[in-house]
Structures are given as structure tokens and as C-alpha cells.
Amino acid sequence: MTPKDFFFIWVPFCADLSDIWKREHARIVRETTKKLKQKQVDNKKEMVVVKKPKAPGGLKARLGR
């Protein structure tokens, strides 16, 4: 086998591998970004705090009596 025969096969393989690698990396970044955004939305939903009115009995109420 001559170097010409080897590189005739090797160069297209490397080019295809490079293209597939870039596409796969972009897909992983999109999925990760999507998951992080979803987590942020979920965290914002969980952070909603419902405040209960305070029962009289604090310092102000005692001083007012």
C-alpha cells in the first residue's frame, strides 16, 4: 500500500469526522442550554413565597396594649 492510497481514504475520513464532531458538540450545547433554562424556570416557580399575615402578639401589639 502506498502513502497515496492511504491518504486517499484517510483525508475524507478526517473531514467527515471533523464535521460530525462539530455537529455533535453543537447538539450537546443546545441540550445543555435547554436543560439549564428549564431549571431556571422551575427554580423561579419554586421561589414564589406566600406571606402569611402575622398574628398580633409581636412587640408592637404588646406595647399597644
N, C-alpha and C. Protein backbone atom coordinates (compact mmCIF):
# COMPACT_ATOMS: atom_id res chain seq x y z
N MET A 1 0.85 -1.17 0.00
CA MET A 1 0.00 0.00 0.00
C MET A 1 0.90 1.24 0.00
N THR A 2 0.61 2.15 -0.86
CA THR A 2 1.41 3.37 -0.96
C THR A 2 0.78 4.46 -0.10
N PRO A 3 1.57 5.48 0.26
CA PRO A 3 1.01 6.58 1.04
C PRO A 3 -0.16 7.26 0.33
N LYS A 4 -0.09 7.32 -0.99
CA LYS A 4 -1.17 7.94 -1.76
C LYS A 4 -2.49 7.18 -1.54
N ASP A 5 -2.42 5.85 -1.53
CA ASP A 5 -3.62 5.04 -1.30
C ASP A 5 -4.17 5.25 0.11
N PHE A 6 -3.26 5.32 1.06
CA PHE A 6 -3.68 5.51 2.45
C PHE A 6 -4.35 6.86 2.63
N PHE A 7 -3.72 7.93 2.17
CA PHE A 7 -4.27 9.26 2.37
C PHE A 7 -5.50 9.53 1.52
N PHE A 8 -5.66 8.77 0.44
CA PHE A 8 -6.85 8.88 -0.39
C PHE A 8 -8.09 8.50 0.43
N ILE A 9 -7.92 7.58 1.36
CA ILE A 9 -9.01 7.16 2.25
C ILE A 9 -9.03 8.00 3.53
N TRP A 10 -7.85 8.32 4.05
CA TRP A 10 -7.73 8.97 5.35
C TRP A 10 -8.24 10.41 5.35
N VAL A 11 -7.97 11.20 4.35
CA VAL A 11 -8.36 12.61 4.32
C VAL A 11 -9.88 12.78 4.34
N PRO A 12 -10.65 12.08 3.52
CA PRO A 12 -12.11 12.23 3.62
C PRO A 12 -12.66 11.77 4.97
N PHE A 13 -12.04 10.72 5.52
CA PHE A 13 -12.47 10.24 6.83
C PHE A 13 -12.27 11.34 7.88
N CYS A 14 -11.12 12.00 7.88
CA CYS A 14 -10.84 13.06 8.86
C CYS A 14 -11.81 14.24 8.67
N ALA A 15 -12.09 14.59 7.44
CA ALA A 15 -13.02 15.69 7.17
C ALA A 15 -14.42 15.35 7.68
N ASP A 16 -14.88 14.14 7.41
CA ASP A 16 -16.21 13.72 7.88
C ASP A 16 -16.26 13.67 9.40
N LEU A 17 -15.21 13.16 10.01
CA LEU A 17 -15.14 13.08 11.47
C LEU A 17 -15.20 14.48 12.08
N SER A 18 -14.49 15.41 11.49
CA SER A 18 -14.48 16.78 11.99
C SER A 18 -15.88 17.40 11.89
N ASP A 19 -16.56 17.20 10.78
CA ASP A 19 -17.91 17.74 10.62
C ASP A 19 -18.88 17.13 11.63
N ILE A 20 -18.81 15.83 11.79
CA ILE A 20 -19.70 15.15 12.73
C ILE A 20 -19.41 15.60 14.16
N TRP A 21 -18.13 15.78 14.50
CA TRP A 21 -17.73 16.23 15.84
C TRP A 21 -18.32 17.61 16.13
N LYS A 22 -18.23 18.53 15.17
CA LYS A 22 -18.76 19.88 15.36
C LYS A 22 -20.28 19.85 15.54
N ARG A 23 -20.97 19.06 14.73
CA ARG A 23 -22.44 18.97 14.86
C ARG A 23 -22.84 18.38 16.20
N GLU A 24 -22.12 17.35 16.62
CA GLU A 24 -22.44 16.69 17.89
C GLU A 24 -22.19 17.64 19.06
N HIS A 25 -21.11 18.37 18.99
CA HIS A 25 -20.79 19.34 20.05
C HIS A 25 -21.88 20.42 20.11
N ALA A 26 -22.32 20.92 18.98
CA ALA A 26 -23.38 21.93 18.94
C ALA A 26 -24.68 21.37 19.51
N ARG A 27 -25.00 20.11 19.22
CA ARG A 27 -26.21 19.48 19.74
C ARG A 27 -26.15 19.38 21.26
N ILE A 28 -24.99 18.98 21.78
CA ILE A 28 -24.83 18.85 23.23
C ILE A 28 -24.96 20.21 23.91
N VAL A 29 -24.39 21.25 23.30
CA VAL A 29 -24.51 22.59 23.87
C VAL A 29 -25.96 23.04 23.88
N ARG A 30 -26.70 22.79 22.81
CA ARG A 30 -28.13 23.16 22.75
C ARG A 30 -28.92 22.45 23.83
N GLU A 31 -28.68 21.15 24.00
CA GLU A 31 -29.42 20.38 25.01
C GLU A 31 -29.10 20.87 26.41
N THR A 32 -27.82 21.14 26.67
CA THR A 32 -27.42 21.60 27.99
C THR A 32 -28.03 22.97 28.29
N THR A 33 -28.00 23.85 27.30
CA THR A 33 -28.59 25.17 27.47
C THR A 33 -30.08 25.06 27.74
N LYS A 34 -30.76 24.18 27.02
CA LYS A 34 -32.19 23.99 27.19
C LYS A 34 -32.50 23.48 28.61
N LYS A 35 -31.69 22.54 29.09
CA LYS A 35 -31.90 22.00 30.44
C LYS A 35 -31.67 23.07 31.50
N LEU A 36 -30.63 23.90 31.32
CA LEU A 36 -30.36 24.95 32.29
C LEU A 36 -31.48 25.98 32.33
N LYS A 37 -32.00 26.35 31.17
CA LYS A 37 -33.10 27.30 31.13
C LYS A 37 -34.33 26.73 31.81
N GLN A 38 -34.60 25.44 31.60
CA GLN A 38 -35.75 24.79 32.23
C GLN A 38 -35.57 24.78 33.75
N LYS A 39 -34.35 24.51 34.23
CA LYS A 39 -34.10 24.51 35.67
C LYS A 39 -34.32 25.90 36.25
N GLN A 40 -33.89 26.94 35.52
CA GLN A 40 -34.08 28.30 36.00
C GLN A 40 -35.57 28.63 36.10
N VAL A 41 -36.35 28.20 35.13
CA VAL A 41 -37.79 28.44 35.15
C VAL A 41 -38.42 27.70 36.33
N ASP A 42 -38.00 26.45 36.54
CA ASP A 42 -38.53 25.67 37.65
C ASP A 42 -38.16 26.30 38.99
N ASN A 43 -36.92 26.80 39.10
CA ASN A 43 -36.49 27.42 40.34
C ASN A 43 -37.29 28.69 40.62
N LYS A 44 -37.60 29.46 39.59
CA LYS A 44 -38.38 30.67 39.78
C LYS A 44 -39.78 30.33 40.26
N LYS A 45 -40.34 29.24 39.75
CA LYS A 45 -41.68 28.82 40.17
C LYS A 45 -41.66 28.40 41.63
N GLU A 46 -40.59 27.73 42.05
CA GLU A 46 -40.50 27.27 43.44
C GLU A 46 -40.23 28.43 44.39
N MET A 47 -39.63 29.51 43.89
CA MET A 47 -39.25 30.62 44.76
C MET A 47 -40.43 31.51 45.13
N VAL A 48 -41.57 31.29 44.54
CA VAL A 48 -42.73 32.12 44.88
C VAL A 48 -43.09 31.84 46.33
N VAL A 49 -43.05 32.88 47.13
CA VAL A 49 -43.29 32.74 48.57
C VAL A 49 -44.61 33.42 48.90
N VAL A 50 -45.45 32.71 49.60
CA VAL A 50 -46.72 33.26 50.04
C VAL A 50 -46.53 33.71 51.49
N LYS A 51 -46.70 35.01 51.72
CA LYS A 51 -46.50 35.54 53.06
C LYS A 51 -47.82 35.47 53.83
N LYS A 52 -47.75 34.94 55.01
CA LYS A 52 -48.91 34.87 55.88
C LYS A 52 -48.96 36.14 56.73
N PRO A 53 -50.14 36.62 56.96
CA PRO A 53 -50.21 37.80 57.84
C PRO A 53 -49.78 37.38 59.26
N LYS A 54 -49.03 38.27 59.87
CA LYS A 54 -48.53 37.95 61.21
C LYS A 54 -49.66 38.09 62.23
N ALA A 55 -49.64 37.17 63.13
CA ALA A 55 -50.64 37.21 64.19
C ALA A 55 -50.23 38.28 65.19
N PRO A 56 -51.20 39.01 65.73
CA PRO A 56 -50.84 40.01 66.73
C PRO A 56 -50.22 39.31 67.94
N GLY A 57 -49.20 39.90 68.44
CA GLY A 57 -48.52 39.28 69.57
C GLY A 57 -47.05 39.65 69.54
N GLY A 58 -46.72 40.47 68.56
CA GLY A 58 -45.35 40.94 68.49
C GLY A 58 -45.13 42.09 69.46
N LEU A 59 -44.02 42.71 69.38
CA LEU A 59 -43.65 43.79 70.28
C LEU A 59 -44.59 44.97 70.14
N LYS A 60 -44.93 45.31 68.91
CA LYS A 60 -45.85 46.45 68.69
C LYS A 60 -47.21 46.19 69.33
N ALA A 61 -47.73 44.99 69.17
CA ALA A 61 -49.03 44.66 69.74
C ALA A 61 -48.99 44.71 71.26
N ARG A 62 -47.89 44.23 71.83
CA ARG A 62 -47.78 44.24 73.30
C ARG A 62 -47.65 45.65 73.84
N LEU A 63 -46.91 46.50 73.12
CA LEU A 63 -46.75 47.87 73.57
C LEU A 63 -48.05 48.65 73.38
N GLY A 64 -48.83 48.28 72.38
CA GLY A 64 -50.10 48.96 72.15
C GLY A 64 -51.15 48.64 73.19
N ARG A 65 -51.00 47.55 73.88
CA ARG A 65 -51.98 47.16 74.90
C ARG A 65 -51.77 47.94 76.11
